[in-house]
């Protein structure tokens, strides 16, 4: 267990960040799953920008790697275009 005041604070901060990152990650995964389930191209095209923005925010915050974000966006775009 942490003994120093600053170390105790760091433990509190990292726990808070971990919970926040888990929430954002799970919310984005659910949004990706919902987007993949859509069969109508127009509906998927309308929802795609918001999901892509969520993915970009995860990469910006460091929750996921920027290359993983690019791969996710690419796969989603392929899937939406193939639904035509």
PDB file of N, CA and C in Angstrom:
ATOM      1  N   UNK A   1       0.848  -1.190   0.000  1.00  0.00           N
ATOM      2  CA  UNK A   1       0.000   0.000   0.000  1.00  0.00           C
ATOM      3  C   UNK A   1       0.884   1.241   0.000  1.00  0.00           C
ATOM      4  N   UNK A   2       0.364   2.291  -0.587  1.00  0.00           N
ATOM      5  CA  UNK A   2       1.107   3.539  -0.693  1.00  0.00           C
ATOM      6  C   UNK A   2       1.285   4.176   0.687  1.00  0.00           C
ATOM      7  N   UNK A   3       2.461   4.746   0.912  1.00  0.00           N
ATOM      8  CA  UNK A   3       2.751   5.376   2.195  1.00  0.00           C
ATOM      9  C   UNK A   3       2.820   6.892   2.100  1.00  0.00           C
ATOM     10  N   UNK A   4       3.248   7.397   0.974  1.00  0.00           N
ATOM     11  CA  UNK A   4       3.392   8.839   0.819  1.00  0.00           C
ATOM     12  C   UNK A   4       2.082   9.468   0.372  1.00  0.00           C
ATOM     13  N   UNK A   5       1.915  10.712   0.751  1.00  0.00           N
ATOM     14  CA  UNK A   5       0.687  11.428   0.423  1.00  0.00           C
ATOM     15  C   UNK A   5       0.496  11.527  -1.095  1.00  0.00           C
ATOM     16  N   UNK A   6       1.570  11.850  -1.807  1.00  0.00           N
ATOM     17  CA  UNK A   6       1.482  11.987  -3.261  1.00  0.00           C
ATOM     18  C   UNK A   6       1.181  10.637  -3.918  1.00  0.00           C
ATOM     19  N   UNK A   7       1.730   9.565  -3.370  1.00  0.00           N
ATOM     20  CA  UNK A   7       1.485   8.242  -3.942  1.00  0.00           C
ATOM     21  C   UNK A   7       0.045   7.814  -3.724  1.00  0.00           C
ATOM     22  N   UNK A   8      -0.506   8.155  -2.579  1.00  0.00           N
ATOM     23  CA  UNK A   8      -1.922   7.844  -2.324  1.00  0.00           C
ATOM     24  C   UNK A   8      -2.813   8.591  -3.309  1.00  0.00           C
ATOM     25  N   UNK A   9      -2.468   9.848  -3.575  1.00  0.00           N
ATOM     26  CA  UNK A   9      -3.232  10.645  -4.530  1.00  0.00           C
ATOM     27  C   UNK A   9      -3.127  10.033  -5.928  1.00  0.00           C
ATOM     28  N   UNK A  10      -1.930   9.590  -6.295  1.00  0.00           N
ATOM     29  CA  UNK A  10      -1.732   8.982  -7.603  1.00  0.00           C
ATOM     30  C   UNK A  10      -2.570   7.712  -7.751  1.00  0.00           C
ATOM     31  N   UNK A  11      -2.688   6.941  -6.677  1.00  0.00           N
ATOM     32  CA  UNK A  11      -3.512   5.728  -6.706  1.00  0.00           C
ATOM     33  C   UNK A  11      -4.971   6.094  -6.941  1.00  0.00           C
ATOM     34  N   UNK A  12      -5.431   7.147  -6.256  1.00  0.00           N
ATOM     35  CA  UNK A  12      -6.821   7.599  -6.447  1.00  0.00           C
ATOM     36  C   UNK A  12      -7.046   8.066  -7.882  1.00  0.00           C
ATOM     37  N   UNK A  13      -6.100   8.844  -8.407  1.00  0.00           N
ATOM     38  CA  UNK A  13      -6.243   9.376  -9.759  1.00  0.00           C
ATOM     39  C   UNK A  13      -6.235   8.263 -10.806  1.00  0.00           C
ATOM     40  N   UNK A  14      -5.334   7.306 -10.636  1.00  0.00           N
ATOM     41  CA  UNK A  14      -5.248   6.237 -11.632  1.00  0.00           C
ATOM     42  C   UNK A  14      -6.494   5.359 -11.604  1.00  0.00           C
ATOM     43  N   UNK A  15      -7.079   5.167 -10.410  1.00  0.00           N
ATOM     44  CA  UNK A  15      -8.319   4.394 -10.325  1.00  0.00           C
ATOM     45  C   UNK A  15      -9.452   5.118 -11.043  1.00  0.00           C
ATOM     46  N   UNK A  16      -9.494   6.422 -10.872  1.00  0.00           N
ATOM     47  CA  UNK A  16     -10.531   7.221 -11.533  1.00  0.00           C
ATOM     48  C   UNK A  16     -10.351   7.187 -13.051  1.00  0.00           C
ATOM     49  N   UNK A  17      -9.098   7.323 -13.506  1.00  0.00           N
ATOM     50  CA  UNK A  17      -8.822   7.270 -14.941  1.00  0.00           C
ATOM     51  C   UNK A  17      -9.153   5.907 -15.522  1.00  0.00           C
ATOM     52  N   UNK A  18      -8.828   4.846 -14.776  1.00  0.00           N
ATOM     53  CA  UNK A  18      -9.100   3.488 -15.253  1.00  0.00           C
ATOM     54  C   UNK A  18     -10.594   3.270 -15.444  1.00  0.00           C
ATOM     55  N   UNK A  19     -11.396   3.714 -14.483  1.00  0.00           N
ATOM     56  CA  UNK A  19     -12.851   3.584 -14.599  1.00  0.00           C
ATOM     57  C   UNK A  19     -13.384   4.378 -15.792  1.00  0.00           C
ATOM     58  N   UNK A  20     -12.867   5.579 -15.964  1.00  0.00           N
ATOM     59  CA  UNK A  20     -13.307   6.424 -17.071  1.00  0.00           C
ATOM     60  C   UNK A  20     -12.938   5.786 -18.407  1.00  0.00           C
ATOM     61  N   UNK A  21     -11.710   5.274 -18.513  1.00  0.00           N
ATOM     62  CA  UNK A  21     -11.274   4.633 -19.751  1.00  0.00           C
ATOM     63  C   UNK A  21     -12.085   3.381 -20.045  1.00  0.00           C
ATOM     64  N   UNK A  22     -12.412   2.607 -19.010  1.00  0.00           N
ATOM     65  CA  UNK A  22     -13.233   1.412 -19.202  1.00  0.00           C
ATOM     66  C   UNK A  22     -14.614   1.794 -19.710  1.00  0.00           C
ATOM     67  N   UNK A  23     -15.171   2.873 -19.179  1.00  0.00           N
ATOM     68  CA  UNK A  23     -16.494   3.322 -19.607  1.00  0.00           C
ATOM     69  C   UNK A  23     -16.467   3.743 -21.074  1.00  0.00           C
ATOM     70  N   UNK A  24     -15.498   4.599 -21.442  1.00  0.00           N
ATOM     71  CA  UNK A  24     -15.419   5.072 -22.822  1.00  0.00           C
ATOM     72  C   UNK A  24     -15.167   3.903 -23.777  1.00  0.00           C
ATOM     73  N   UNK A  25     -14.290   2.988 -23.386  1.00  0.00           N
ATOM     74  CA  UNK A  25     -13.986   1.841 -24.239  1.00  0.00           C
ATOM     75  C   UNK A  25     -15.199   0.959 -24.457  1.00  0.00           C
ATOM     76  N   UNK A  26     -15.926   0.679 -23.390  1.00  0.00           N
ATOM     77  CA  UNK A  26     -17.099  -0.184 -23.492  1.00  0.00           C
ATOM     78  C   UNK A  26     -18.196   0.490 -24.305  1.00  0.00           C
ATOM     79  N   UNK A  27     -18.401   1.774 -24.095  1.00  0.00           N
ATOM     80  CA  UNK A  27     -19.416   2.515 -24.845  1.00  0.00           C
ATOM     81  C   UNK A  27     -19.093   2.498 -26.335  1.00  0.00           C
ATOM     82  N   UNK A  28     -17.824   2.679 -26.670  1.00  0.00           N
ATOM     83  CA  UNK A  28     -17.423   2.677 -28.074  1.00  0.00           C
ATOM     84  C   UNK A  28     -17.577   1.293 -28.675  1.00  0.00           C
ATOM     85  N   UNK A  29     -17.199   0.244 -27.945  1.00  0.00           N
ATOM     86  CA  UNK A  29     -17.360  -1.120 -28.452  1.00  0.00           C
ATOM     87  C   UNK A  29     -18.825  -1.425 -28.724  1.00  0.00           C
ATOM     88  N   UNK A  30     -19.712  -0.983 -27.839  1.00  0.00           N
ATOM     89  CA  UNK A  30     -21.141  -1.196 -28.050  1.00  0.00           C
ATOM     90  C   UNK A  30     -21.631  -0.442 -29.286  1.00  0.00           C
ATOM     91  N   UNK A  31     -21.139   0.781 -29.481  1.00  0.00           N
ATOM     92  CA  UNK A  31     -21.539   1.566 -30.649  1.00  0.00           C
ATOM     93  C   UNK A  31     -21.051   0.900 -31.937  1.00  0.00           C
ATOM     94  N   UNK A  32     -19.842   0.347 -31.910  1.00  0.00           N
ATOM     95  CA  UNK A  32     -19.311  -0.358 -33.081  1.00  0.00           C
ATOM     96  C   UNK A  32     -20.159  -1.592 -33.369  1.00  0.00           C
ATOM     97  N   UNK A  33     -20.502  -2.320 -32.327  1.00  0.00           N
ATOM     98  CA  UNK A  33     -21.332  -3.516 -32.491  1.00  0.00           C
ATOM     99  C   UNK A  33     -22.693  -3.153 -33.091  1.00  0.00           C
ATOM    100  N   UNK A  34     -23.309  -2.088 -32.586  1.00  0.00           N
ATOM    101  CA  UNK A  34     -24.605  -1.664 -33.103  1.00  0.00           C
ATOM    102  C   UNK A  34     -24.499  -1.231 -34.564  1.00  0.00           C
ATOM    103  N   UNK A  35     -23.402  -0.568 -34.914  1.00  0.00           N
ATOM    104  CA  UNK A  35     -23.206  -0.125 -36.295  1.00  0.00           C
ATOM    105  C   UNK A  35     -23.031  -1.327 -37.218  1.00  0.00           C
ATOM    106  N   UNK A  36     -22.319  -2.345 -36.765  1.00  0.00           N
ATOM    107  CA  UNK A  36     -22.114  -3.543 -37.578  1.00  0.00           C
ATOM    108  C   UNK A  36     -23.419  -4.287 -37.816  1.00  0.00           C
ATOM    109  N   UNK A  37     -24.351  -4.200 -36.887  1.00  0.00           N
ATOM    110  CA  UNK A  37     -25.618  -4.919 -37.021  1.00  0.00           C
ATOM    111  C   UNK A  37     -26.562  -4.255 -38.018  1.00  0.00           C
ATOM    112  N   UNK A  38     -26.332  -2.975 -38.326  1.00  0.00           N
ATOM    113  CA  UNK A  38     -27.214  -2.277 -39.247  1.00  0.00           C
ATOM    114  C   UNK A  38     -27.041  -2.830 -40.663  1.00  0.00           C
ATOM    115  N   UNK A  39     -28.161  -3.082 -41.328  1.00  0.00           N
ATOM    116  CA  UNK A  39     -28.097  -3.592 -42.693  1.00  0.00           C
ATOM    117  C   UNK A  39     -28.412  -2.499 -43.707  1.00  0.00           C
ATOM    118  N   UNK A  40     -29.136  -1.463 -43.290  1.00  0.00           N
ATOM    119  CA  UNK A  40     -29.492  -0.364 -44.178  1.00  0.00           C
ATOM    120  C   UNK A  40     -28.301   0.587 -44.330  1.00  0.00           C
ATOM    121  N   UNK A  41     -27.884   0.836 -45.565  1.00  0.00           N
ATOM    122  CA  UNK A  41     -26.688   1.651 -45.787  1.00  0.00           C
ATOM    123  C   UNK A  41     -26.889   3.093 -45.360  1.00  0.00           C
ATOM    124  N   UNK A  42     -28.088   3.643 -45.564  1.00  0.00           N
ATOM    125  CA  UNK A  42     -28.304   5.042 -45.200  1.00  0.00           C
ATOM    126  C   UNK A  42     -28.249   5.226 -43.688  1.00  0.00           C
ATOM    127  N   UNK A  43     -28.839   4.274 -42.950  1.00  0.00           N
ATOM    128  CA  UNK A  43     -28.799   4.360 -41.485  1.00  0.00           C
ATOM    129  C   UNK A  43     -27.367   4.209 -40.980  1.00  0.00           C
ATOM    130  N   UNK A  44     -26.640   3.282 -41.587  1.00  0.00           N
ATOM    131  CA  UNK A  44     -25.247   3.073 -41.179  1.00  0.00           C
ATOM    132  C   UNK A  44     -24.401   4.303 -41.521  1.00  0.00           C
ATOM    133  N   UNK A  45     -24.692   4.920 -42.666  1.00  0.00           N
ATOM    134  CA  UNK A  45     -23.952   6.108 -43.063  1.00  0.00           C
ATOM    135  C   UNK A  45     -24.202   7.289 -42.148  1.00  0.00           C
ATOM    136  N   UNK A  46     -25.407   7.365 -41.602  1.00  0.00           N
ATOM    137  CA  UNK A  46     -25.722   8.451 -40.674  1.00  0.00           C
ATOM    138  C   UNK A  46     -25.075   8.239 -39.313  1.00  0.00           C
ATOM    139  N   UNK A  47     -24.988   6.979 -38.882  1.00  0.00           N
ATOM    140  CA  UNK A  47     -24.443   6.684 -37.559  1.00  0.00           C
ATOM    141  C   UNK A  47     -22.913   6.632 -37.563  1.00  0.00           C
ATOM    142  N   UNK A  48     -22.321   6.368 -38.725  1.00  0.00           N
ATOM    143  CA  UNK A  48     -20.867   6.173 -38.819  1.00  0.00           C
ATOM    144  C   UNK A  48     -20.044   7.352 -38.307  1.00  0.00           C
ATOM    145  N   UNK A  49     -20.363   8.600 -38.660  1.00  0.00           N
ATOM    146  CA  UNK A  49     -19.498   9.696 -38.189  1.00  0.00           C
ATOM    147  C   UNK A  49     -19.392   9.793 -36.670  1.00  0.00           C
ATOM    148  N   UNK A  50     -20.489   9.522 -35.969  1.00  0.00           N
ATOM    149  CA  UNK A  50     -20.422   9.607 -34.507  1.00  0.00           C
ATOM    150  C   UNK A  50     -19.564   8.484 -33.929  1.00  0.00           C
ATOM    151  N   UNK A  51     -19.650   7.288 -34.524  1.00  0.00           N
ATOM    152  CA  UNK A  51     -18.837   6.160 -34.043  1.00  0.00           C
ATOM    153  C   UNK A  51     -17.367   6.415 -34.353  1.00  0.00           C
ATOM    154  N   UNK A  52     -17.090   6.952 -35.519  1.00  0.00           N
ATOM    155  CA  UNK A  52     -15.700   7.251 -35.884  1.00  0.00           C
ATOM    156  C   UNK A  52     -15.125   8.320 -34.959  1.00  0.00           C
ATOM    157  N   UNK A  53     -15.949   9.288 -34.587  1.00  0.00           N
ATOM    158  CA  UNK A  53     -15.489  10.310 -33.643  1.00  0.00           C
ATOM    159  C   UNK A  53     -15.167   9.689 -32.291  1.00  0.00           C
ATOM    160  N   UNK A  54     -15.975   8.727 -31.860  1.00  0.00           N
ATOM    161  CA  UNK A  54     -15.706   8.045 -30.585  1.00  0.00           C
ATOM    162  C   UNK A  54     -14.370   7.307 -30.649  1.00  0.00           C
ATOM    163  N   UNK A  55     -14.122   6.637 -31.773  1.00  0.00           N
ATOM    164  CA  UNK A  55     -12.867   5.904 -31.938  1.00  0.00           C
ATOM    165  C   UNK A  55     -11.685   6.865 -31.913  1.00  0.00           C
ATOM    166  N   UNK A  56     -11.825   8.004 -32.604  1.00  0.00           N
ATOM    167  CA  UNK A  56     -10.743   8.998 -32.616  1.00  0.00           C
ATOM    168  C   UNK A  56     -10.465   9.538 -31.221  1.00  0.00           C
ATOM    169  N   UNK A  57     -11.520   9.748 -30.440  1.00  0.00           N
ATOM    170  CA  UNK A  57     -11.331  10.250 -29.077  1.00  0.00           C
ATOM    171  C   UNK A  57     -10.604   9.233 -28.212  1.00  0.00           C
ATOM    172  N   UNK A  58     -10.907   7.941 -28.400  1.00  0.00           N
ATOM    173  CA  UNK A  58     -10.196   6.910 -27.643  1.00  0.00           C
ATOM    174  C   UNK A  58      -8.707   6.934 -27.978  1.00  0.00           C
ATOM    175  N   UNK A  59      -8.396   7.087 -29.251  1.00  0.00           N
ATOM    176  CA  UNK A  59      -6.994   7.124 -29.658  1.00  0.00           C
ATOM    177  C   UNK A  59      -6.309   8.371 -29.114  1.00  0.00           C
ATOM    178  N   UNK A  60      -7.028   9.493 -29.138  1.00  0.00           N
ATOM    179  CA  UNK A  60      -6.449  10.744 -28.640  1.00  0.00           C
ATOM    180  C   UNK A  60      -6.164  10.653 -27.141  1.00  0.00           C
ATOM    181  N   UNK A  61      -7.060  10.009 -26.412  1.00  0.00           N
ATOM    182  CA  UNK A  61      -6.880   9.871 -24.967  1.00  0.00           C
ATOM    183  C   UNK A  61      -5.870   8.798 -24.591  1.00  0.00           C
ATOM    184  N   UNK A  62      -5.473   7.973 -25.563  1.00  0.00           N
ATOM    185  CA  UNK A  62      -4.501   6.930 -25.279  1.00  0.00           C
ATOM    186  C   UNK A  62      -5.125   5.652 -24.767  1.00  0.00           C
ATOM    187  N   UNK A  63      -6.432   5.511 -24.890  1.00  0.00           N
ATOM    188  CA  UNK A  63      -7.095   4.287 -24.446  1.00  0.00           C
ATOM    189  C   UNK A  63      -6.782   3.164 -25.428  1.00  0.00           C
ATOM    190  N   UNK A  64      -6.778   3.486 -26.728  1.00  0.00           N
ATOM    191  CA  UNK A  64      -6.364   2.527 -27.748  1.00  0.00           C
ATOM    192  C   UNK A  64      -5.261   3.166 -28.584  1.00  0.00           C
ATOM    193  N   UNK A  65      -4.496   2.330 -29.263  1.00  0.00           N
ATOM    194  CA  UNK A  65      -3.407   2.814 -30.105  1.00  0.00           C
ATOM    195  C   UNK A  65      -3.974   3.458 -31.364  1.00  0.00           C
ATOM    196  N   UNK A  66      -3.246   4.433 -31.901  1.00  0.00           N
ATOM    197  CA  UNK A  66      -3.752   5.153 -33.075  1.00  0.00           C
ATOM    198  C   UNK A  66      -3.873   4.235 -34.285  1.00  0.00           C
ATOM    199  N   UNK A  67      -3.008   3.224 -34.396  1.00  0.00           N
ATOM    200  CA  UNK A  67      -3.116   2.284 -35.519  1.00  0.00           C
ATOM    201  C   UNK A  67      -4.345   1.396 -35.364  1.00  0.00           C
ATOM    202  N   UNK A  68      -4.671   1.025 -34.145  1.00  0.00           N
ATOM    203  CA  UNK A  68      -5.883   0.233 -33.910  1.00  0.00           C
ATOM    204  C   UNK A  68      -7.107   1.056 -34.289  1.00  0.00           C
ATOM    205  N   UNK A  69      -7.081   2.331 -33.966  1.00  0.00           N
ATOM    206  CA  UNK A  69      -8.193   3.213 -34.329  1.00  0.00           C
ATOM    207  C   UNK A  69      -8.337   3.265 -35.846  1.00  0.00           C
ATOM    208  N   UNK A  70      -7.226   3.380 -36.547  1.00  0.00           N
ATOM    209  CA  UNK A  70      -7.263   3.422 -38.010  1.00  0.00           C
ATOM    210  C   UNK A  70      -7.805   2.119 -38.578  1.00  0.00           C
ATOM    211  N   UNK A  71      -7.382   1.002 -38.006  1.00  0.00           N
ATOM    212  CA  UNK A  71      -7.862  -0.296 -38.476  1.00  0.00           C
ATOM    213  C   UNK A  71      -9.362  -0.436 -38.249  1.00  0.00           C
ATOM    214  N   UNK A  72      -9.837  -0.020 -37.093  1.00  0.00           N
ATOM    215  CA  UNK A  72     -11.270  -0.101 -36.799  1.00  0.00           C
ATOM    216  C   UNK A  72     -12.074   0.743 -37.783  1.00  0.00           C
ATOM    217  N   UNK A  73     -11.617   1.957 -38.023  1.00  0.00           N
ATOM    218  CA  UNK A  73     -12.340   2.855 -38.930  1.00  0.00           C
ATOM    219  C   UNK A  73     -12.341   2.304 -40.351  1.00  0.00           C
ATOM    220  N   UNK A  74     -11.223   1.733 -40.762  1.00  0.00           N
ATOM    221  CA  UNK A  74     -11.129   1.167 -42.101  1.00  0.00           C
ATOM    222  C   UNK A  74     -12.090  -0.011 -42.267  1.00  0.00           C
ATOM    223  N   UNK A  75     -12.127  -0.881 -41.282  1.00  0.00           N
ATOM    224  CA  UNK A  75     -13.017  -2.046 -41.357  1.00  0.00           C
ATOM    225  C   UNK A  75     -14.480  -1.622 -41.365  1.00  0.00           C
ATOM    226  N   UNK A  76     -14.807  -0.596 -40.567  1.00  0.00           N
ATOM    227  CA  UNK A  76     -16.185  -0.112 -40.557  1.00  0.00           C
ATOM    228  C   UNK A  76     -16.564   0.484 -41.912  1.00  0.00           C
ATOM    229  N   UNK A  77     -15.649   1.244 -42.506  1.00  0.00           N
ATOM    230  CA  UNK A  77     -15.927   1.856 -43.798  1.00  0.00           C
ATOM    231  C   UNK A  77     -16.127   0.780 -44.870  1.00  0.00           C
ATOM    232  N   UNK A  78     -15.286  -0.248 -44.848  1.00  0.00           N
ATOM    233  CA  UNK A  78     -15.433  -1.355 -45.800  1.00  0.00           C
ATOM    234  C   UNK A  78     -16.790  -2.028 -45.641  1.00  0.00           C
ATOM    235  N   UNK A  79     -17.172  -2.237 -44.384  1.00  0.00           N
ATOM    236  CA  UNK A  79     -18.443  -2.918 -44.108  1.00  0.00           C
ATOM    237  C   UNK A  79     -19.624  -2.098 -44.578  1.00  0.00           C
ATOM    238  N   UNK A  80     -19.567  -0.788 -44.346  1.00  0.00           N
ATOM    239  CA  UNK A  80     -20.676   0.089 -44.752  1.00  0.00           C
ATOM    240  C   UNK A  80     -20.772   0.140 -46.275  1.00  0.00           C
ATOM    241  N   UNK A  81     -19.622   0.255 -46.956  1.00  0.00           N
ATOM    242  CA  UNK A  81     -19.623   0.319 -48.414  1.00  0.00           C
ATOM    243  C   UNK A  81     -20.062  -0.995 -49.039  1.00  0.00           C
ATOM    244  N   UNK A  82     -19.755  -2.107 -48.391  1.00  0.00           N
ATOM    245  CA  UNK A  82     -20.140  -3.411 -48.918  1.00  0.00           C
ATOM    246  C   UNK A  82     -21.637  -3.652 -48.776  1.00  0.00           C
ATOM    247  N   UNK A  83     -22.270  -2.934 -47.865  1.00  0.00           N
ATOM    248  CA  UNK A  83     -23.705  -3.114 -47.630  1.00  0.00           C
ATOM    249  C   UNK A  83     -24.549  -2.543 -48.757  1.00  0.00           C
ATOM    250  N   UNK A  84     -23.917  -1.862 -49.682  1.00  0.00           N
ATOM    251  CA  UNK A  84     -24.651  -1.183 -50.769  1.00  0.00           C
ATOM    252  C   UNK A  84     -25.409  -2.184 -51.630  1.00  0.00           C
TER     253      UNK A  84
END
